[in-house]
C-alpha atoms as a PDB file:
ATOM      1  CA  UNK A   1      84.301 109.921 127.041  1.00  0.00           C
ATOM      2  CA  UNK A   2      86.994 107.733 128.245  1.00  0.00           C
ATOM      3  CA  UNK A   3      90.322 109.720 128.622  1.00  0.00           C
ATOM      4  CA  UNK A   4      92.636 109.260 125.313  1.00  0.00           C
ATOM      5  CA  UNK A   5      89.669 107.395 123.513  1.00  0.00           C
ATOM      6  CA  UNK A   6      87.943 109.028 120.787  1.00  0.00           C
ATOM      7  CA  UNK A   7      85.404 107.205 118.214  1.00  0.00           C
ATOM      8  CA  UNK A   8      88.064 106.978 115.640  1.00  0.00           C
ATOM      9  CA  UNK A   9      90.932 105.922 117.394  1.00  0.00           C
ATOM     10  CA  UNK A  10      90.293 102.232 117.071  1.00  0.00           C
ATOM     11  CA  UNK A  11      90.927 101.922 120.933  1.00  0.00           C
ATOM     12  CA  UNK A  12      89.071 100.575 123.316  1.00  0.00           C
ATOM     13  CA  UNK A  13      88.997  99.706 127.063  1.00  0.00           C
ATOM     14  CA  UNK A  14      89.973  96.218 128.419  1.00  0.00           C
ATOM     15  CA  UNK A  15      88.414  94.997 131.805  1.00  0.00           C
ATOM     16  CA  UNK A  16      91.910  95.031 133.247  1.00  0.00           C
ATOM     17  CA  UNK A  17      91.991  99.104 132.599  1.00  0.00           C
ATOM     18  CA  UNK A  18      94.394  98.596 129.725  1.00  0.00           C
ATOM     19  CA  UNK A  19      93.690  99.539 126.200  1.00  0.00           C
ATOM     20  CA  UNK A  20      93.803  97.828 123.135  1.00  0.00           C
ATOM     21  CA  UNK A  21      93.707  98.647 119.354  1.00  0.00           C
ATOM     22  CA  UNK A  22      90.834  96.838 117.477  1.00  0.00           C
ATOM     23  CA  UNK A  23      92.841  96.981 114.342  1.00  0.00           C
ATOM     24  CA  UNK A  24      95.647  95.076 116.106  1.00  0.00           C
ATOM     25  CA  UNK A  25      93.189  92.337 117.185  1.00  0.00           C
ATOM     26  CA  UNK A  26      91.681  92.014 114.058  1.00  0.00           C
ATOM     27  CA  UNK A  27      95.194  91.861 112.300  1.00  0.00           C
ATOM     28  CA  UNK A  28      96.071  89.044 114.795  1.00  0.00           C
ATOM     29  CA  UNK A  29      92.846  86.913 113.927  1.00  0.00           C
ATOM     30  CA  UNK A  30      93.434  86.907 110.468  1.00  0.00           C
ATOM     31  CA  UNK A  31      97.357  85.388 110.922  1.00  0.00           C
ATOM     32  CA  UNK A  32      99.070  88.596 111.174  1.00  0.00           C
ATOM     33  CA  UNK A  33     101.438  87.062 113.832  1.00  0.00           C
ATOM     34  CA  UNK A  34     102.573  84.470 111.577  1.00  0.00           C
ATOM     35  CA  UNK A  35     101.847  80.729 110.933  1.00  0.00           C
ATOM     36  CA  UNK A  36     103.557  77.203 111.338  1.00  0.00           C
ATOM     37  CA  UNK A  37     103.274  74.826 108.496  1.00  0.00           C
ATOM     38  CA  UNK A  38     103.008  71.247 110.308  1.00  0.00           C
ATOM     39  CA  UNK A  39     103.299  68.018 108.185  1.00  0.00           C
ATOM     40  CA  UNK A  40     104.955  65.388 110.299  1.00  0.00           C
ATOM     41  CA  UNK A  41     104.071  63.700 113.790  1.00  0.00           C
ATOM     42  CA  UNK A  42     106.547  65.446 116.051  1.00  0.00           C
ATOM     43  CA  UNK A  43     105.291  67.563 118.873  1.00  0.00           C
ATOM     44  CA  UNK A  44     105.180  71.565 117.559  1.00  0.00           C
ATOM     45  CA  UNK A  45     105.188  74.166 120.378  1.00  0.00           C
ATOM     46  CA  UNK A  46     104.166  77.905 120.063  1.00  0.00           C
ATOM     47  CA  UNK A  47     106.715  79.980 120.363  1.00  0.00           C
ATOM     48  CA  UNK A  48     107.363  81.763 124.266  1.00  0.00           C
ATOM     49  CA  UNK A  49     104.512  84.114 124.916  1.00  0.00           C
ATOM     50  CA  UNK A  50     102.276  82.767 121.950  1.00  0.00           C
ATOM     51  CA  UNK A  51      99.644  80.168 121.162  1.00  0.00           C
ATOM     52  CA  UNK A  52      98.287  78.446 117.962  1.00  0.00           C
ATOM     53  CA  UNK A  53      94.744  80.522 117.725  1.00  0.00           C
ATOM     54  CA  UNK A  54      93.851  78.132 114.635  1.00  0.00           C
ATOM     55  CA  UNK A  55      94.359  75.111 112.894  1.00  0.00           C
ATOM     56  CA  UNK A  56      93.694  75.031 109.424  1.00  0.00           C
ATOM     57  CA  UNK A  57      93.403  71.418 107.892  1.00  0.00           C
ATOM     58  CA  UNK A  58      95.054  71.391 104.538  1.00  0.00           C
ATOM     59  CA  UNK A  59      94.905  67.308 103.946  1.00  0.00           C
ATOM     60  CA  UNK A  60      92.701  65.413 105.921  1.00  0.00           C
ATOM     61  CA  UNK A  61      94.211  65.232 109.594  1.00  0.00           C
ATOM     62  CA  UNK A  62      94.235  63.313 112.931  1.00  0.00           C
ATOM     63  CA  UNK A  63      95.457  65.333 116.010  1.00  0.00           C
ATOM     64  CA  UNK A  64      97.443  62.652 118.244  1.00  0.00           C
ATOM     65  CA  UNK A  65      97.617  65.271 121.123  1.00  0.00           C
ATOM     66  CA  UNK A  66      97.584  68.919 121.884  1.00  0.00           C
ATOM     67  CA  UNK A  67      97.776  70.952 125.085  1.00  0.00           C
ATOM     68  CA  UNK A  68      95.854  74.227 125.568  1.00  0.00           C
ATOM     69  CA  UNK A  69      96.574  77.663 127.122  1.00  0.00           C
ATOM     70  CA  UNK A  70      95.585  78.102 131.167  1.00  0.00           C
ATOM     71  CA  UNK A  71      91.806  78.991 130.975  1.00  0.00           C
ATOM     72  CA  UNK A  72      91.221  77.857 127.476  1.00  0.00           C
ATOM     73  CA  UNK A  73      90.728  74.271 128.544  1.00  0.00           C
ATOM     74  CA  UNK A  74      88.513  72.065 125.932  1.00  0.00           C
ATOM     75  CA  UNK A  75      85.537  70.315 127.505  1.00  0.00           C
ATOM     76  CA  UNK A  76      83.179  67.381 126.519  1.00  0.00           C
ATOM     77  CA  UNK A  77      84.704  64.713 123.748  1.00  0.00           C
ATOM     78  CA  UNK A  78      88.008  64.881 122.904  1.00  0.00           C
ATOM     79  CA  UNK A  79      88.651  65.321 119.153  1.00  0.00           C
ATOM     80  CA  UNK A  80      91.859  63.378 119.222  1.00  0.00           C
ATOM     81  CA  UNK A  81      92.173  60.471 116.680  1.00  0.00           C
ATOM     82  CA  UNK A  82      88.990  61.814 114.797  1.00  0.00           C
ATOM     83  CA  UNK A  83      89.689  62.351 111.163  1.00  0.00           C
ATOM     84  CA  UNK A  84      89.373  66.434 110.403  1.00  0.00           C
ATOM     85  CA  UNK A  85      88.659  67.117 106.936  1.00  0.00           C
ATOM     86  CA  UNK A  86      90.580  69.246 104.541  1.00  0.00           C
ATOM     87  CA  UNK A  87      89.356  72.876 104.800  1.00  0.00           C
ATOM     88  CA  UNK A  88      88.082  72.474 108.661  1.00  0.00           C
ATOM     89  CA  UNK A  89      89.341  75.060 110.678  1.00  0.00           C
ATOM     90  CA  UNK A  90      89.897  74.170 114.446  1.00  0.00           C
ATOM     91  CA  UNK A  91      89.952  77.413 116.943  1.00  0.00           C
ATOM     92  CA  UNK A  92      91.411  77.615 120.329  1.00  0.00           C
ATOM     93  CA  UNK A  93      94.236  78.618 122.008  1.00  0.00           C
ATOM     94  CA  UNK A  94      96.760  75.560 121.754  1.00  0.00           C
ATOM     95  CA  UNK A  95     100.381  75.632 123.476  1.00  0.00           C
ATOM     96  CA  UNK A  96     101.231  72.471 121.402  1.00  0.00           C
ATOM     97  CA  UNK A  97      99.956  70.191 118.792  1.00  0.00           C
ATOM     98  CA  UNK A  98     101.096  66.759 117.690  1.00  0.00           C
ATOM     99  CA  UNK A  99      99.695  65.172 114.602  1.00  0.00           C
ATOM    100  CA  UNK A 100      98.987  61.567 114.092  1.00  0.00           C
ATOM    101  CA  UNK A 101      98.693  61.978 110.050  1.00  0.00           C
ATOM    102  CA  UNK A 102      97.794  64.994 107.633  1.00  0.00           C
ATOM    103  CA  UNK A 103      98.868  68.544 107.177  1.00  0.00           C
ATOM    104  CA  UNK A 104      97.819  71.766 109.068  1.00  0.00           C
ATOM    105  CA  UNK A 105      98.750  75.324 109.220  1.00  0.00           C
ATOM    106  CA  UNK A 106      98.970  76.522 112.671  1.00  0.00           C
ATOM    107  CA  UNK A 107      97.997  80.324 113.132  1.00  0.00           C
ATOM    108  CA  UNK A 108     100.014  82.274 115.742  1.00  0.00           C
ATOM    109  CA  UNK A 109      98.654  84.613 118.294  1.00  0.00           C
ATOM    110  CA  UNK A 110      98.949  86.057 121.450  1.00  0.00           C
END
């Protein structure tokens, strides 16, 4: 057993030697860091030290532009100017998002 870790502690060892609590990770992936409602066509930038981890489409939406976190680049065809239907969830690590139309909830994470 690794020092300071017990099966019931909820902690796990990261590759960099640090620890992370699995409950904290679960909370973050379920919107525990908050969200931003976006219903306009201006650029929205994630708060300092955070990213948007998911974009949940409320009304059919088109994304005009986006920026991703370093190391989380999107490859392949672009999805800008594609119609994303209501109910669709787009996961990633976005530092900024600009809509062309529609409404989304941008969930914050670290």
